[in-house]
Amino acid sequence: MSRIETSGGRGPQPRRGETAGMPGAGAARAVVIGSGFGGLAAAIRLGARGYRVTVLEKLGQPGGRARVHRQDGFTFDAGPTIITAPFLLEDLWRLCGRELSDDIELRPTTPFYRIRFDNGEVFDYSGDAQAMRAEVARFSPDDVEGYGRYMAASEEIFKVGFEELGHVSFGNWPAMLKVVPDLIRLGCYRSVYAMVSRYIRDPRLRTVFSFHPLLIGGNPFTTTAIYSLISFLERRWGVHFVMGGTGALVAAMVKLIEGQGGSLRCDAEVGEILIENDRARGARLVSGEKIAADIVVSNADSAWTYRHLLPHARRRRWTDRRIDKSRYSMGLFVWYFGTSRQYPEVKHHTIVLGPRYRGLLDDIFTHRVLAEDFSLYLHRPTATDPSLAPAGCDAFYVLSPVPHGGGGIDWERRAEPYRRAIMKRLGETVLPELENHLLSSRVSTPDEFEHELLAYRGAAFGLEPVFTQSAWFRPHNKSEEVEGLYLVGAGTHPGAGVPGVLSSARVLDVVVPDPDPNRINTERSHAQS
């Protein structure tokens, strides 16, 4: 087995020489299903180790949830908008003998987020420790000391949960037992909200410092407190935006893969993972074409992978019954829109809170009803990169957490009234006269996540990140069901979010064996017959 060592929290160091070049004709083959960030990162890492990689993408463009919508002169990133822990990307470029800055410009955003409460109060959340203490004091002077202690706790959890465990393979129960004492000591059996509440009393500030799980599909009142590490992670590396949009990062990663001799095929939906002698040996497309491989990496939703891509495998752990009984993240209602005017007072990332916090989350995660009120994440990329909209215009997307598809909401009927309610809310708060300046509009619902992105139950982030579905309890990066099958992305360890899915690809350095350069896949012609 091969493992690239880490040092100083920088992640895997690059391999130089032939591994960063193009594999030979007899190189071992790897098929990667899905071209989200996890799949692209996995392809780059495998290519650097000598595998000849083919990435198969169902959609007509790469990126998965990070694909791009272009219409009416506007560029809308469909999904991820926040880049943190940029060293994870820098590592990928160095594995290819390049620097990230050769191809990508990351622009820091300040503040990280502007949080607007229902009564109009505003909290600017940034990485400046002094400015943050001043913001906390402005809301609640008595909580300044507690905020400092909370950030110290976040740093300690970060050192264990991210630096030590983020790229560790929890492939067996003893590996989990080794870390349980640290997780208990750090209070990771608590929820993020409970962890914040240990240090901070003001209810508004408890909201400010506990909302992060919503960015990875979790309920702050049930998500394990290990995700409190996000507060320190953001302070450590900042919050960045990719100039040209997140889609520019996807395109640059595809070029790295092609430079290694790998390939990406779009409009190539996988219908089945091929199994021979209880081992993954390639993939069959829905068209019937078979593609042979020595290993298969699935960046598809983990529940979809096990339920639909392994129809003939004897699944011992991730049975249909267990998949059905698991807990899933919320769904997302996303409205992409462009305006004929600019709103310079609106920051790049704005959170518009509604009148309820816990009650709304109960409606989303527990009752699974579409509430009449909502809290919104508003993304204005043109605050940082004006090229994403025509001159004098602004591009936006607004995201509303909603129940996943298991809630039975008829989105064909309810999508437009819901969009108009969001438009009204934004017009009354941060985007005055929005309706009069609307130039472009597009909506995405949990139905699209389920049918286009093949997300089980339309859950935007896969499994909900509760303690009993984290680390060893999540689907393993090295499949427990089939030899030669590996999983990356939000549905496996360590979880959702760009740092999480990039880290899931790092785990492959531990669990995937180095290829034998002298061995040609003799089963190739058999699998293609």
Foldseek 3Di string as FASTA:
>chain_A
DFAADDPPLLAGAADDDLLLFAADPQFFEEEEEAQALLSLLLLLVQLSLRHAYEYEAQAPDHHQQQAWDDDPLFIDGRHDFKDFSCSLVQRSQVNNVHGPVVQWDWDFFPAPEWEAEAVGDIARHHLDLVSNLVSCCVVPVVQSVLVVVLLVLLQLLCCCVPSPPQQAFLPDDVVVVVCVVVCVVSQQQAFLLVSSVVRGPDPVVSCVQQVVLVSFQAASRFFGNSVSNVSNSCSVTNIIGIAVGPVSVSVVSQVSSVRSVYYYDYSFAFQAFDDDPQAGFFTATPVGFTFGGQFYEYQAFPLCCVPGHHPPFDDDPNDPVVLVPFFFGFAKKKKKFKFQADQLVHGQKYKYDHPDRVVVVCCARPVQDFDLIWIKIKGWCCNPHVSSHPPRMTIIMIMTTGHFLVSVDPCVPCVVVVVVSVVVVCCVHRNPPRVVTIDDIDIDTLVCCCPVRVAVSSRPWHGHNGPCCARSNFQTQQHPGGHRYGYAAQRYPHHHDSSSRSSSSSNCSVVPDRIDSVHHPPCRVVRRD
